[in-house]
N, C-alpha and C. Protein backbone atom coordinates (compact mmCIF):
# COMPACT_ATOMS: atom_id res chain seq x y z
N MET A 1 -64.65 -82.32 73.64
CA MET A 1 -64.88 -83.20 72.38
C MET A 1 -64.73 -84.61 72.73
N ILE A 2 -65.72 -85.47 71.87
CA ILE A 2 -66.12 -86.47 71.81
C ILE A 2 -64.70 -86.83 70.77
N GLU A 3 -64.34 -88.09 71.06
CA GLU A 3 -63.51 -88.88 69.99
C GLU A 3 -63.98 -90.21 69.06
N THR A 4 -63.54 -90.18 67.61
CA THR A 4 -63.92 -91.04 66.91
C THR A 4 -63.11 -92.45 67.46
N GLY A 5 -64.00 -93.18 67.65
CA GLY A 5 -63.35 -94.80 68.47
C GLY A 5 -64.46 -95.05 70.15
N SER A 6 -65.03 -93.73 70.36
CA SER A 6 -64.96 -93.47 71.31
C SER A 6 -67.05 -93.81 72.14
N GLY A 7 -67.50 -94.57 72.76
CA GLY A 7 -69.27 -94.89 73.00
C GLY A 7 -70.00 -93.40 73.25
N ALA A 8 -70.62 -93.71 72.10
CA ALA A 8 -71.23 -92.01 71.81
C ALA A 8 -72.24 -91.90 73.15
N PRO A 9 -72.59 -90.82 73.91
CA PRO A 9 -72.93 -90.25 74.65
C PRO A 9 -74.91 -91.20 74.79
N ASP A 10 -75.17 -90.95 75.29
CA ASP A 10 -76.70 -91.25 75.24
C ASP A 10 -77.54 -90.56 74.83
N PHE A 11 -79.05 -90.46 74.57
CA PHE A 11 -79.70 -89.09 74.23
C PHE A 11 -80.85 -89.57 74.29
N ASP A 12 -81.67 -89.21 74.58
CA ASP A 12 -83.11 -89.02 74.98
C ASP A 12 -83.33 -87.93 74.95
N LEU A 13 -84.80 -87.42 73.75
CA LEU A 13 -84.80 -85.97 72.86
C LEU A 13 -85.86 -86.26 72.89
N GLU A 14 -87.21 -85.16 73.43
CA GLU A 14 -88.19 -85.33 72.72
C GLU A 14 -88.24 -84.56 71.47
N VAL A 15 -89.20 -85.35 70.35
CA VAL A 15 -90.00 -85.07 69.05
C VAL A 15 -91.03 -84.44 69.22
N ASP A 16 -91.81 -84.88 69.72
CA ASP A 16 -93.67 -84.58 69.88
C ASP A 16 -94.03 -85.14 70.83
N GLY A 17 -94.49 -83.68 71.21
CA GLY A 17 -95.48 -84.35 72.80
C GLY A 17 -94.89 -85.57 73.41
N SER A 18 -95.74 -86.62 73.26
CA SER A 18 -94.70 -88.24 74.01
C SER A 18 -93.63 -88.92 73.50
N GLU A 19 -93.49 -88.34 71.70
CA GLU A 19 -93.28 -89.02 71.10
C GLU A 19 -90.96 -88.39 71.70
N ARG A 20 -90.54 -89.48 71.52
CA ARG A 20 -89.08 -89.27 71.80
C ARG A 20 -88.31 -89.59 71.03
N VAL A 21 -87.16 -89.57 70.40
CA VAL A 21 -85.90 -90.88 70.12
C VAL A 21 -84.68 -90.25 71.08
N ARG A 22 -84.05 -91.85 71.07
CA ARG A 22 -83.48 -92.45 72.01
C ARG A 22 -82.28 -93.08 71.24
N LEU A 23 -80.76 -93.28 71.49
CA LEU A 23 -79.82 -93.82 70.75
C LEU A 23 -80.10 -95.37 70.74
N ALA A 24 -81.01 -95.95 72.47
CA ALA A 24 -80.90 -97.37 72.36
C ALA A 24 -81.66 -97.76 71.38
N ASP A 25 -83.04 -96.69 70.90
CA ASP A 25 -83.63 -97.37 69.86
C ASP A 25 -82.94 -97.80 68.57
N TYR A 26 -81.41 -96.95 68.32
CA TYR A 26 -80.82 -97.81 66.94
C TYR A 26 -80.05 -98.91 67.29
N ARG A 27 -79.31 -98.88 68.95
CA ARG A 27 -78.56 -100.31 68.85
C ARG A 27 -78.91 -101.96 67.93
N GLY A 28 -77.82 -102.11 67.22
CA GLY A 28 -77.58 -103.71 67.15
C GLY A 28 -79.06 -103.37 65.65
N ARG A 29 -79.05 -102.17 65.04
CA ARG A 29 -80.44 -101.77 64.10
C ARG A 29 -79.63 -101.06 63.08
N ARG A 30 -79.43 -99.93 63.40
CA ARG A 30 -79.22 -98.71 62.70
C ARG A 30 -77.69 -97.83 62.92
N ASN A 31 -77.13 -97.24 61.99
CA ASN A 31 -76.24 -96.23 62.14
C ASN A 31 -77.49 -95.37 62.22
N VAL A 32 -76.69 -94.03 63.24
CA VAL A 32 -77.21 -92.45 63.35
C VAL A 32 -76.29 -91.56 63.34
N LEU A 33 -77.54 -90.56 62.10
CA LEU A 33 -76.05 -89.28 61.94
C LEU A 33 -76.82 -88.53 63.11
N LEU A 34 -76.40 -88.32 64.01
CA LEU A 34 -76.81 -86.80 64.74
C LEU A 34 -76.24 -85.34 64.46
N VAL A 35 -76.74 -84.57 64.35
CA VAL A 35 -75.97 -83.86 63.72
C VAL A 35 -77.41 -82.20 64.34
N PHE A 36 -76.02 -81.88 64.96
CA PHE A 36 -76.53 -80.41 65.93
C PHE A 36 -76.39 -79.20 65.09
N HIS A 37 -77.69 -78.50 65.19
CA HIS A 37 -77.50 -77.13 64.85
C HIS A 37 -77.68 -75.50 66.04
N PRO A 38 -77.74 -74.64 64.81
CA PRO A 38 -77.82 -74.07 66.40
C PRO A 38 -79.25 -73.07 66.52
N PHE A 39 -79.77 -73.00 65.19
CA PHE A 39 -81.73 -72.97 65.78
C PHE A 39 -82.27 -72.85 64.13
N ALA A 40 -83.57 -73.20 64.39
CA ALA A 40 -85.03 -73.15 63.30
C ALA A 40 -85.23 -72.16 63.07
N PHE A 41 -85.34 -71.90 61.29
CA PHE A 41 -85.33 -70.63 60.76
C PHE A 41 -85.30 -70.13 60.46
N THR A 42 -83.64 -70.93 60.27
CA THR A 42 -82.42 -69.02 60.02
C THR A 42 -81.58 -69.88 58.71
N PRO A 43 -81.62 -69.43 57.47
CA PRO A 43 -80.73 -69.45 56.66
C PRO A 43 -79.88 -70.65 56.59
N VAL A 44 -78.67 -70.59 57.47
CA VAL A 44 -78.04 -71.96 57.14
C VAL A 44 -78.49 -72.93 57.91
N CYS A 45 -79.05 -72.58 58.63
CA CYS A 45 -79.64 -74.09 58.99
C CYS A 45 -80.93 -74.46 58.08
N GLU A 46 -81.39 -74.18 57.63
CA GLU A 46 -81.75 -74.06 56.75
C GLU A 46 -81.99 -75.07 55.02
N ASP A 47 -80.46 -74.05 54.83
CA ASP A 47 -79.65 -75.30 54.39
C ASP A 47 -79.65 -76.30 53.67
N GLU A 48 -78.91 -76.32 55.27
CA GLU A 48 -78.15 -77.69 55.63
C GLU A 48 -79.55 -78.81 55.65
N ALA A 49 -80.88 -78.05 56.48
CA ALA A 49 -81.91 -78.90 56.86
C ALA A 49 -82.10 -80.01 55.48
N ARG A 50 -81.91 -78.44 54.17
CA ARG A 50 -82.48 -79.32 52.99
C ARG A 50 -81.32 -80.36 52.36
N ASP A 51 -80.29 -79.63 52.90
CA ASP A 51 -79.28 -81.13 52.42
C ASP A 51 -79.67 -82.59 52.66
N LEU A 52 -79.61 -81.96 54.15
CA LEU A 52 -79.95 -83.65 54.25
C LEU A 52 -80.72 -84.16 53.72
N GLU A 53 -82.49 -83.56 53.45
CA GLU A 53 -83.92 -84.42 52.66
C GLU A 53 -83.40 -84.86 51.73
N GLU A 54 -82.53 -84.00 50.71
CA GLU A 54 -81.99 -84.72 49.64
C GLU A 54 -81.32 -85.68 49.46
N ASN A 55 -80.31 -86.14 50.36
CA ASN A 55 -80.01 -86.78 50.74
C ASN A 55 -80.22 -88.19 51.31
N GLN A 56 -81.45 -88.21 51.70
CA GLN A 56 -82.08 -89.33 52.19
C GLN A 56 -82.00 -90.73 51.80
N PRO A 57 -81.60 -91.18 50.83
CA PRO A 57 -81.51 -92.20 49.55
C PRO A 57 -80.36 -92.53 49.47
N ALA A 58 -79.25 -91.99 50.35
CA ALA A 58 -78.03 -92.66 50.22
C ALA A 58 -77.94 -92.80 51.81
N PHE A 59 -78.54 -91.68 52.69
CA PHE A 59 -78.20 -92.23 53.91
C PHE A 59 -79.16 -93.73 53.94
N ALA A 60 -80.09 -93.67 53.28
CA ALA A 60 -80.46 -95.31 53.77
C ALA A 60 -80.35 -96.09 53.29
N SER A 61 -79.56 -96.40 52.12
CA SER A 61 -79.08 -96.89 51.34
C SER A 61 -77.90 -97.59 52.81
N ALA A 62 -76.72 -96.65 53.09
CA ALA A 62 -75.79 -96.70 54.28
C ALA A 62 -76.47 -97.41 55.47
N GLU A 63 -77.73 -97.41 55.78
CA GLU A 63 -78.64 -97.67 56.84
C GLU A 63 -78.76 -96.91 57.92
N THR A 64 -79.09 -95.74 57.39
CA THR A 64 -78.63 -94.46 58.66
C THR A 64 -79.73 -93.04 58.73
N ASP A 65 -79.90 -93.33 59.66
CA ASP A 65 -81.42 -92.71 60.33
C ASP A 65 -80.92 -91.27 60.62
N VAL A 66 -80.56 -90.23 60.42
CA VAL A 66 -80.70 -88.63 60.48
C VAL A 66 -81.50 -88.45 61.37
N VAL A 67 -80.63 -87.77 62.66
CA VAL A 67 -81.13 -87.05 63.76
C VAL A 67 -81.20 -85.39 63.50
N LEU A 68 -81.93 -84.29 63.33
CA LEU A 68 -81.53 -82.79 63.79
C LEU A 68 -81.40 -82.41 64.78
N VAL A 69 -80.67 -81.81 65.80
CA VAL A 69 -81.17 -81.74 66.89
C VAL A 69 -80.76 -79.88 67.15
N SER A 70 -81.44 -79.08 67.79
CA SER A 70 -81.41 -77.69 68.09
C SER A 70 -81.88 -77.46 69.79
N CYS A 71 -81.92 -76.65 70.45
CA CYS A 71 -82.23 -76.15 71.67
C CYS A 71 -83.42 -75.74 71.49
N ASP A 72 -84.41 -75.70 70.66
CA ASP A 72 -85.06 -75.09 69.94
C ASP A 72 -86.36 -75.51 70.66
N ALA A 73 -87.40 -74.91 71.06
CA ALA A 73 -88.21 -76.11 71.30
C ALA A 73 -89.43 -76.87 70.57
N PRO A 74 -89.51 -78.25 71.26
CA PRO A 74 -89.78 -79.31 69.86
C PRO A 74 -91.43 -78.80 69.18
N ALA A 75 -92.49 -77.92 69.93
CA ALA A 75 -93.24 -77.89 69.30
C ALA A 75 -92.97 -76.74 67.05
N ALA A 76 -91.84 -75.39 68.04
CA ALA A 76 -91.05 -74.92 66.56
C ALA A 76 -90.60 -75.80 65.96
N ARG A 77 -89.35 -76.98 66.42
CA ARG A 77 -88.68 -78.42 65.89
C ARG A 77 -89.83 -78.79 64.59
N GLN A 78 -91.33 -78.84 65.08
CA GLN A 78 -92.20 -79.87 64.18
C GLN A 78 -92.62 -78.58 63.51
N ALA A 79 -93.02 -77.12 63.77
CA ALA A 79 -93.32 -76.17 62.62
C ALA A 79 -92.31 -75.97 61.38
N TRP A 80 -90.24 -76.12 61.83
CA TRP A 80 -90.63 -76.35 60.62
C TRP A 80 -89.96 -77.28 60.46
N LYS A 81 -90.17 -78.06 60.13
CA LYS A 81 -90.26 -79.49 59.56
C LYS A 81 -91.30 -79.49 58.91
N ARG A 82 -92.65 -78.82 59.28
CA ARG A 82 -93.65 -79.12 58.07
C ARG A 82 -93.26 -77.97 57.27
N GLU A 83 -92.92 -76.91 57.62
CA GLU A 83 -93.01 -75.78 56.90
C GLU A 83 -91.90 -76.48 55.61
N LEU A 84 -90.43 -76.90 55.81
CA LEU A 84 -89.43 -77.05 54.89
C LEU A 84 -89.69 -78.45 54.44
N GLY A 85 -91.47 -79.11 55.09
CA GLY A 85 -90.86 -80.65 54.19
C GLY A 85 -90.67 -81.90 54.46
N LEU A 86 -89.31 -81.37 55.38
CA LEU A 86 -88.88 -83.08 56.06
C LEU A 86 -89.52 -83.86 56.45
N THR A 87 -88.76 -85.03 56.08
CA THR A 87 -89.19 -86.69 56.81
C THR A 87 -87.85 -87.38 57.53
N TYR A 88 -87.17 -86.69 57.39
CA TYR A 88 -86.04 -87.42 58.79
C TYR A 88 -86.48 -87.07 60.28
N THR A 89 -86.00 -87.26 61.19
CA THR A 89 -86.03 -87.44 62.64
C THR A 89 -85.68 -85.49 62.92
N LEU A 90 -86.61 -84.53 63.99
CA LEU A 90 -86.07 -83.39 63.96
C LEU A 90 -86.15 -83.20 65.57
N ALA A 91 -85.02 -83.65 66.35
CA ALA A 91 -85.32 -83.58 67.61
C ALA A 91 -85.05 -82.53 68.72
N SER A 92 -85.64 -81.97 69.73
CA SER A 92 -85.07 -80.73 70.47
C SER A 92 -84.23 -81.68 71.98
N ASP A 93 -83.46 -80.39 71.99
CA ASP A 93 -82.07 -80.29 72.82
C ASP A 93 -83.22 -78.43 74.27
N PHE A 94 -84.29 -78.68 73.63
CA PHE A 94 -84.54 -78.25 74.85
C PHE A 94 -84.86 -77.94 76.59
N TRP A 95 -84.96 -78.89 77.03
CA TRP A 95 -85.57 -79.51 78.26
C TRP A 95 -84.74 -80.50 78.57
N PRO A 96 -84.15 -80.76 80.01
CA PRO A 96 -83.09 -79.74 80.66
C PRO A 96 -82.30 -79.16 79.20
N HIS A 97 -82.32 -77.67 79.68
CA HIS A 97 -81.52 -76.87 78.07
C HIS A 97 -79.67 -77.30 77.59
N GLY A 98 -79.67 -77.73 76.15
CA GLY A 98 -78.80 -78.15 76.01
C GLY A 98 -77.77 -79.64 76.67
N ASP A 99 -78.04 -80.32 77.13
CA ASP A 99 -78.07 -81.57 77.85
C ASP A 99 -77.06 -82.11 77.55
N VAL A 100 -77.99 -82.76 75.64
CA VAL A 100 -77.15 -83.52 74.68
C VAL A 100 -76.22 -82.88 74.73
N ALA A 101 -76.89 -81.67 74.44
CA ALA A 101 -74.91 -80.90 73.51
C ALA A 101 -73.99 -81.02 74.17
N LYS A 102 -74.51 -80.99 75.37
CA LYS A 102 -73.30 -80.55 76.02
C LYS A 102 -72.74 -82.02 76.44
N ALA A 103 -72.95 -82.92 76.41
CA ALA A 103 -73.13 -84.33 76.75
C ALA A 103 -71.33 -84.86 75.56
N TYR A 104 -72.30 -84.02 73.59
CA TYR A 104 -71.59 -84.25 72.82
C TYR A 104 -70.28 -82.96 72.52
N GLY A 105 -70.10 -82.19 73.99
CA GLY A 105 -69.02 -81.48 74.00
C GLY A 105 -69.74 -79.59 72.73
N VAL A 106 -70.70 -79.84 71.96
CA VAL A 106 -71.25 -78.85 71.05
C VAL A 106 -71.76 -77.96 71.85
N PHE A 107 -72.14 -77.98 72.90
CA PHE A 107 -73.09 -76.17 73.44
C PHE A 107 -72.34 -75.43 73.55
N ASP A 108 -72.94 -74.10 73.25
CA ASP A 108 -72.08 -72.36 73.29
C ASP A 108 -72.25 -72.25 74.69
N GLU A 109 -72.11 -72.32 75.85
CA GLU A 109 -73.31 -71.27 76.41
C GLU A 109 -73.16 -69.72 76.45
N SER A 110 -72.31 -69.22 75.28
CA SER A 110 -72.76 -67.66 75.34
C SER A 110 -73.61 -67.67 74.28
N GLN A 111 -74.17 -68.42 73.48
CA GLN A 111 -75.43 -68.23 72.86
C GLN A 111 -76.09 -68.98 73.17
N GLY A 112 -76.10 -70.61 74.18
CA GLY A 112 -77.78 -71.25 74.67
C GLY A 112 -77.73 -71.97 73.69
N ALA A 113 -77.12 -72.35 72.16
CA ALA A 113 -77.50 -73.19 71.77
C ALA A 113 -76.27 -74.12 71.30
N ALA A 114 -76.78 -75.28 70.48
CA ALA A 114 -75.48 -76.09 69.66
C ALA A 114 -74.78 -75.11 69.03
N VAL A 115 -73.29 -75.40 68.72
CA VAL A 115 -72.73 -75.15 67.57
C VAL A 115 -73.10 -76.75 66.34
N ARG A 116 -72.65 -76.24 64.81
CA ARG A 116 -72.86 -77.09 64.28
C ARG A 116 -71.47 -78.26 64.52
N GLY A 117 -72.40 -79.88 65.18
CA GLY A 117 -71.59 -80.93 65.83
C GLY A 117 -72.35 -82.06 64.81
N THR A 118 -71.43 -82.65 64.33
CA THR A 118 -71.80 -83.36 63.27
C THR A 118 -71.06 -85.30 63.86
N PHE A 119 -72.67 -85.94 64.25
CA PHE A 119 -71.36 -87.47 64.72
C PHE A 119 -72.05 -88.38 64.30
N LEU A 120 -71.61 -89.47 63.53
CA LEU A 120 -71.63 -90.86 62.92
C LEU A 120 -72.04 -91.84 63.85
N ILE A 121 -72.73 -92.36 64.44
CA ILE A 121 -72.75 -93.14 64.80
C ILE A 121 -73.15 -94.80 64.80
N ASP A 122 -72.36 -95.79 65.01
CA ASP A 122 -72.17 -96.91 64.44
C ASP A 122 -73.44 -97.76 65.27
N LYS A 123 -73.50 -99.15 64.33
CA LYS A 123 -74.73 -99.70 65.08
C LYS A 123 -74.45 -100.58 66.65
N ASP A 124 -73.29 -100.18 67.23
CA ASP A 124 -72.90 -100.44 68.04
C ASP A 124 -72.69 -98.98 68.61
N GLY A 125 -72.97 -98.52 68.61
CA GLY A 125 -73.06 -97.13 69.51
C GLY A 125 -71.62 -96.45 70.01
N VAL A 126 -70.29 -96.26 69.33
CA VAL A 126 -69.40 -95.87 68.51
C VAL A 126 -69.56 -94.40 66.66
N ILE A 127 -68.51 -94.06 67.83
CA ILE A 127 -68.67 -92.38 67.30
C ILE A 127 -67.55 -92.73 65.90
N VAL A 128 -67.98 -93.18 64.76
CA VAL A 128 -66.63 -93.13 63.94
C VAL A 128 -66.23 -92.72 62.89
N TRP A 129 -67.06 -91.49 63.02
CA TRP A 129 -67.00 -89.87 62.10
C TRP A 129 -67.14 -88.87 62.98
N SER A 130 -66.41 -88.19 62.96
CA SER A 130 -67.72 -86.21 63.34
C SER A 130 -67.06 -85.11 62.96
N LEU A 131 -67.99 -83.82 62.94
CA LEU A 131 -67.31 -83.08 62.66
C LEU A 131 -67.63 -81.82 62.96
N VAL A 132 -67.00 -80.97 63.60
CA VAL A 132 -67.51 -80.24 64.35
C VAL A 132 -66.76 -78.31 63.99
N ASN A 133 -68.20 -77.68 63.39
CA ASN A 133 -67.32 -76.54 62.95
C ASN A 133 -68.56 -75.34 64.31
N ASP A 134 -68.25 -73.79 63.87
CA ASP A 134 -68.53 -73.22 64.60
C ASP A 134 -69.91 -72.48 64.27
N ALA A 135 -70.93 -72.48 65.05
CA ALA A 135 -72.39 -71.99 64.65
C ALA A 135 -72.54 -71.22 63.32
N ASP A 136 -71.22 -70.43 63.06
CA ASP A 136 -71.53 -69.29 61.56
C ASP A 136 -70.81 -70.09 60.86
N ARG A 137 -70.63 -70.94 60.51
CA ARG A 137 -69.54 -71.67 59.50
C ARG A 137 -70.60 -73.31 59.02
N ARG A 138 -70.93 -72.75 57.83
CA ARG A 138 -71.83 -74.22 57.78
C ARG A 138 -70.46 -75.28 57.37
N ARG A 139 -71.55 -76.23 57.16
CA ARG A 139 -70.87 -78.00 57.25
C ARG A 139 -71.02 -77.96 55.70
N LEU A 140 -69.73 -78.47 54.99
CA LEU A 140 -69.80 -78.78 54.00
C LEU A 140 -69.62 -80.47 53.49
N GLU A 141 -70.15 -81.10 52.42
CA GLU A 141 -69.37 -82.81 52.68
C GLU A 141 -70.20 -83.24 53.35
N LEU A 142 -71.13 -82.62 53.83
CA LEU A 142 -72.08 -83.80 55.45
C LEU A 142 -71.98 -84.76 55.03
N VAL A 143 -72.36 -84.99 53.06
CA VAL A 143 -72.87 -86.76 52.96
C VAL A 143 -71.26 -87.82 52.50
N SER A 144 -71.09 -87.20 51.81
CA SER A 144 -69.86 -87.40 51.95
C SER A 144 -68.86 -87.60 52.72
N GLY A 145 -69.08 -87.44 53.47
CA GLY A 145 -67.90 -88.10 54.55
C GLY A 145 -67.85 -89.08 55.24
N PRO A 146 -69.29 -88.81 55.83
CA PRO A 146 -70.12 -90.06 57.15
C PRO A 146 -70.24 -91.24 56.00
N LEU A 147 -70.98 -90.67 54.86
CA LEU A 147 -71.84 -92.23 53.87
C LEU A 147 -70.15 -93.10 54.24
N GLY A 148 -69.25 -92.91 53.38
CA GLY A 148 -68.26 -93.93 53.26
C GLY A 148 -68.00 -95.38 54.95
N MET A 149 -68.37 -94.24 55.76
CA MET A 149 -68.03 -94.96 57.00
C MET A 149 -69.49 -95.89 57.70
N ALA A 150 -70.10 -95.58 57.06
CA ALA A 150 -71.39 -96.12 57.91
C ALA A 150 -72.15 -97.04 57.60
N SER A 151 -71.41 -97.09 56.41
CA SER A 151 -72.05 -98.91 55.87
C SER A 151 -71.37 -100.45 56.58
N ARG A 152 -69.96 -99.51 57.91
CA ARG A 152 -69.99 -100.57 58.33
C ARG A 152 -70.82 -101.92 59.26
């Protein structure tokens, strides 16, 4: 498990086709709320994705961009994004399978998917807040917890 105050592991994830999202893209510019979840097209994950969408104004005012990550294939991620009408970044940790989730200590080998891990990374690439729940337990207070820290 990665601890608060430590440097965030770099990530380079596929968004859609040749479009990628990298931690380096945010350094010195924006905070990142990196949110791992098990699978697209599932009820709890859908509720959490919609909660993140509803709170986009709060994230924007805290200079924080949301990146929602699962090990689903990129095409499935983008289909789910369209279905839910999401405006923030959905990224795929499909291949190499789960490498970024593993780097953050939130990959469940038995399920082949991430658990519910959330990491607030500041503009300097330091983890300033985190929350990890098992795959079956919904995150609560996803917004109120990290946003107080995001304005650093």
